[in-house]
Amino acid sequence: MNKIEVFLQNLNPREKFLFISFICLCALFLAFKIHDHFLEDIFQKTLVEHNCLALNEAKIENSHLKEIETKLTKQIKTE
């Protein structure tokens, strides 16, 4: 028998229940921690992608407005 089996055999039923509950709570805590970091990574990636798309759209709009500005200034100069 290994040390864990000997340890568990020496516990009374209440102590076994508390020990198993503690192990389950630790596992649940770790699962939530891993899940939280996983979700955080996903949201950061989507936010970065969304920000890049918004930045590209703003650059396109800016270049479009500059083209309109040059056309209008040429029109004003010719009139």
N, C-alpha and C. Protein backbone atom coordinates (compact mmCIF):
# COMPACT_ATOMS: atom_id res chain seq x y z
N MET A 1 0.84 -1.19 0.00
CA MET A 1 0.00 0.00 0.00
C MET A 1 0.88 1.25 0.00
N ASN A 2 0.42 2.21 -0.75
CA ASN A 2 1.19 3.45 -0.74
C ASN A 2 0.71 4.37 0.38
N LYS A 3 1.38 5.47 0.54
CA LYS A 3 1.12 6.36 1.68
C LYS A 3 -0.28 6.98 1.63
N ILE A 4 -0.77 7.23 0.43
CA ILE A 4 -2.10 7.84 0.32
C ILE A 4 -3.18 6.87 0.78
N GLU A 5 -3.07 5.60 0.39
CA GLU A 5 -4.04 4.60 0.81
C GLU A 5 -4.02 4.42 2.32
N VAL A 6 -2.84 4.40 2.90
CA VAL A 6 -2.74 4.28 4.36
C VAL A 6 -3.35 5.50 5.03
N PHE A 7 -3.06 6.67 4.49
CA PHE A 7 -3.62 7.91 5.04
C PHE A 7 -5.15 7.88 5.00
N LEU A 8 -5.72 7.47 3.86
CA LEU A 8 -7.18 7.44 3.73
C LEU A 8 -7.82 6.38 4.62
N GLN A 9 -7.14 5.27 4.83
CA GLN A 9 -7.70 4.23 5.70
C GLN A 9 -7.71 4.67 7.16
N ASN A 10 -6.80 5.53 7.55
CA ASN A 10 -6.74 5.98 8.94
C ASN A 10 -7.72 7.11 9.24
N LEU A 11 -8.41 7.61 8.23
CA LEU A 11 -9.38 8.69 8.46
C LEU A 11 -10.74 8.12 8.81
N ASN A 12 -11.48 8.83 9.66
CA ASN A 12 -12.86 8.41 9.93
C ASN A 12 -13.74 8.93 8.79
N PRO A 13 -14.99 8.49 8.68
CA PRO A 13 -15.85 8.88 7.54
C PRO A 13 -16.01 10.40 7.38
N ARG A 14 -16.11 11.11 8.49
CA ARG A 14 -16.26 12.57 8.39
C ARG A 14 -15.01 13.20 7.80
N GLU A 15 -13.85 12.77 8.24
CA GLU A 15 -12.59 13.30 7.72
C GLU A 15 -12.40 12.95 6.25
N LYS A 16 -12.83 11.73 5.86
CA LYS A 16 -12.75 11.34 4.44
C LYS A 16 -13.62 12.26 3.59
N PHE A 17 -14.84 12.53 4.09
CA PHE A 17 -15.75 13.40 3.36
C PHE A 17 -15.15 14.80 3.21
N LEU A 18 -14.59 15.34 4.28
CA LEU A 18 -13.98 16.67 4.23
C LEU A 18 -12.77 16.69 3.30
N PHE A 19 -11.97 15.64 3.33
CA PHE A 19 -10.80 15.56 2.47
C PHE A 19 -11.21 15.50 1.00
N ILE A 20 -12.19 14.66 0.69
CA ILE A 20 -12.67 14.54 -0.70
C ILE A 20 -13.32 15.85 -1.15
N SER A 21 -14.06 16.49 -0.26
CA SER A 21 -14.67 17.79 -0.59
C SER A 21 -13.60 18.83 -0.89
N PHE A 22 -12.54 18.83 -0.09
CA PHE A 22 -11.44 19.76 -0.31
C PHE A 22 -10.79 19.52 -1.68
N ILE A 23 -10.56 18.26 -2.02
CA ILE A 23 -9.96 17.92 -3.32
C ILE A 23 -10.87 18.38 -4.45
N CYS A 24 -12.17 18.14 -4.32
CA CYS A 24 -13.12 18.56 -5.37
C CYS A 24 -13.16 20.08 -5.51
N LEU A 25 -13.14 20.79 -4.39
CA LEU A 25 -13.14 22.26 -4.46
C LEU A 25 -11.86 22.79 -5.11
N CYS A 26 -10.73 22.17 -4.79
CA CYS A 26 -9.48 22.58 -5.43
C CYS A 26 -9.53 22.34 -6.94
N ALA A 27 -10.07 21.18 -7.34
CA ALA A 27 -10.19 20.88 -8.77
C ALA A 27 -11.13 21.87 -9.45
N LEU A 28 -12.22 22.19 -8.79
CA LEU A 28 -13.18 23.15 -9.35
C LEU A 28 -12.55 24.54 -9.48
N PHE A 29 -11.81 24.94 -8.47
CA PHE A 29 -11.12 26.23 -8.51
C PHE A 29 -10.13 26.28 -9.68
N LEU A 30 -9.34 25.22 -9.83
CA LEU A 30 -8.38 25.18 -10.94
C LEU A 30 -9.09 25.20 -12.29
N ALA A 31 -10.21 24.49 -12.39
CA ALA A 31 -10.96 24.48 -13.64
C ALA A 31 -11.46 25.88 -13.99
N PHE A 32 -11.97 26.61 -12.99
CA PHE A 32 -12.44 27.97 -13.25
C PHE A 32 -11.29 28.90 -13.60
N LYS A 33 -10.14 28.72 -12.94
CA LYS A 33 -8.97 29.54 -13.25
C LYS A 33 -8.53 29.33 -14.69
N ILE A 34 -8.43 28.07 -15.10
CA ILE A 34 -8.02 27.75 -16.47
C ILE A 34 -9.04 28.30 -17.45
N HIS A 35 -10.33 28.10 -17.15
CA HIS A 35 -11.40 28.57 -18.02
C HIS A 35 -11.38 30.09 -18.12
N ASP A 36 -11.14 30.77 -17.01
CA ASP A 36 -11.09 32.23 -16.99
C ASP A 36 -9.96 32.75 -17.86
N HIS A 37 -8.78 32.16 -17.73
CA HIS A 37 -7.64 32.58 -18.55
C HIS A 37 -7.90 32.29 -20.03
N PHE A 38 -8.54 31.15 -20.30
CA PHE A 38 -8.87 30.79 -21.68
C PHE A 38 -9.82 31.82 -22.28
N LEU A 39 -10.87 32.17 -21.53
CA LEU A 39 -11.82 33.17 -22.03
C LEU A 39 -11.16 34.53 -22.18
N GLU A 40 -10.30 34.87 -21.22
CA GLU A 40 -9.61 36.16 -21.29
C GLU A 40 -8.75 36.24 -22.55
N ASP A 41 -8.05 35.16 -22.87
CA ASP A 41 -7.23 35.14 -24.08
C ASP A 41 -8.09 35.29 -25.33
N ILE A 42 -9.21 34.58 -25.35
CA ILE A 42 -10.10 34.66 -26.53
C ILE A 42 -10.62 36.09 -26.69
N PHE A 43 -11.09 36.70 -25.58
CA PHE A 43 -11.65 38.05 -25.69
C PHE A 43 -10.58 39.06 -26.08
N GLN A 44 -9.36 38.89 -25.58
CA GLN A 44 -8.30 39.81 -25.96
C GLN A 44 -8.00 39.68 -27.45
N LYS A 45 -8.00 38.45 -27.97
CA LYS A 45 -7.74 38.27 -29.40
C LYS A 45 -8.85 38.90 -30.23
N THR A 46 -10.11 38.71 -29.83
CA THR A 46 -11.20 39.28 -30.60
C THR A 46 -11.21 40.80 -30.49
N LEU A 47 -10.85 41.33 -29.31
CA LEU A 47 -10.79 42.78 -29.18
C LEU A 47 -9.69 43.36 -30.06
N VAL A 48 -8.55 42.70 -30.11
CA VAL A 48 -7.45 43.17 -30.96
C VAL A 48 -7.87 43.12 -32.42
N GLU A 49 -8.50 42.01 -32.83
CA GLU A 49 -8.96 41.90 -34.21
C GLU A 49 -9.99 42.98 -34.52
N HIS A 50 -10.91 43.22 -33.58
CA HIS A 50 -11.94 44.24 -33.78
C HIS A 50 -11.31 45.63 -33.87
N ASN A 51 -10.33 45.89 -33.01
CA ASN A 51 -9.65 47.19 -33.06
C ASN A 51 -8.90 47.38 -34.36
N CYS A 52 -8.28 46.31 -34.86
CA CYS A 52 -7.56 46.40 -36.14
C CYS A 52 -8.53 46.69 -37.27
N LEU A 53 -9.69 46.03 -37.24
CA LEU A 53 -10.69 46.28 -38.28
C LEU A 53 -11.18 47.73 -38.20
N ALA A 54 -11.44 48.21 -37.01
CA ALA A 54 -11.90 49.59 -36.85
C ALA A 54 -10.83 50.57 -37.32
N LEU A 55 -9.58 50.28 -37.02
CA LEU A 55 -8.48 51.15 -37.44
C LEU A 55 -8.37 51.16 -38.96
N ASN A 56 -8.48 49.99 -39.59
CA ASN A 56 -8.42 49.92 -41.05
C ASN A 56 -9.57 50.69 -41.68
N GLU A 57 -10.77 50.56 -41.11
CA GLU A 57 -11.91 51.30 -41.63
C GLU A 57 -11.70 52.80 -41.49
N ALA A 58 -11.13 53.22 -40.37
CA ALA A 58 -10.86 54.65 -40.16
C ALA A 58 -9.82 55.15 -41.16
N LYS A 59 -8.81 54.35 -41.44
CA LYS A 59 -7.80 54.76 -42.42
C LYS A 59 -8.41 54.90 -43.80
N ILE A 60 -9.26 53.96 -44.17
CA ILE A 60 -9.92 54.01 -45.48
C ILE A 60 -10.81 55.25 -45.57
N GLU A 61 -11.57 55.50 -44.51
CA GLU A 61 -12.44 56.68 -44.49
C GLU A 61 -11.61 57.96 -44.56
N ASN A 62 -10.50 57.99 -43.87
CA ASN A 62 -9.62 59.16 -43.88
C ASN A 62 -9.07 59.41 -45.28
N SER A 63 -8.62 58.36 -45.94
CA SER A 63 -8.09 58.54 -47.30
C SER A 63 -9.20 58.97 -48.25
N HIS A 64 -10.40 58.45 -48.07
CA HIS A 64 -11.53 58.84 -48.90
C HIS A 64 -11.85 60.33 -48.70
N LEU A 65 -11.83 60.76 -47.45
CA LEU A 65 -12.11 62.18 -47.17
C LEU A 65 -11.02 63.08 -47.74
N LYS A 66 -9.78 62.63 -47.70
CA LYS A 66 -8.69 63.43 -48.28
C LYS A 66 -8.86 63.56 -49.79
N GLU A 67 -9.30 62.48 -50.45
CA GLU A 67 -9.56 62.55 -51.90
C GLU A 67 -10.66 63.56 -52.20
N ILE A 68 -11.72 63.52 -51.40
CA ILE A 68 -12.82 64.47 -51.60
C ILE A 68 -12.32 65.90 -51.37
N GLU A 69 -11.49 66.08 -50.35
CA GLU A 69 -10.94 67.41 -50.07
C GLU A 69 -10.12 67.93 -51.24
N THR A 70 -9.27 67.09 -51.82
CA THR A 70 -8.44 67.53 -52.95
C THR A 70 -9.32 67.85 -54.16
N LYS A 71 -10.35 67.06 -54.40
CA LYS A 71 -11.26 67.33 -55.52
C LYS A 71 -11.97 68.67 -55.32
N LEU A 72 -12.44 68.90 -54.10
CA LEU A 72 -13.15 70.15 -53.83
C LEU A 72 -12.23 71.36 -53.92
N THR A 73 -11.00 71.23 -53.44
CA THR A 73 -10.07 72.37 -53.55
C THR A 73 -9.74 72.65 -55.00
N LYS A 74 -9.60 71.62 -55.82
CA LYS A 74 -9.36 71.83 -57.26
C LYS A 74 -10.56 72.50 -57.90
N GLN A 75 -11.76 72.09 -57.50
CA GLN A 75 -12.98 72.69 -58.06
C GLN A 75 -13.07 74.17 -57.69
N ILE A 76 -12.75 74.48 -56.45
CA ILE A 76 -12.81 75.87 -55.99
C ILE A 76 -11.79 76.71 -56.74
N LYS A 77 -10.61 76.17 -56.94
CA LYS A 77 -9.56 76.92 -57.65
C LYS A 77 -9.94 77.18 -59.10
N THR A 78 -10.61 76.25 -59.75
CA THR A 78 -10.98 76.43 -61.15
C THR A 78 -12.15 77.40 -61.31
N GLU A 79 -12.95 77.57 -60.30
CA GLU A 79 -14.11 78.47 -60.40
C GLU A 79 -13.77 79.88 -60.16
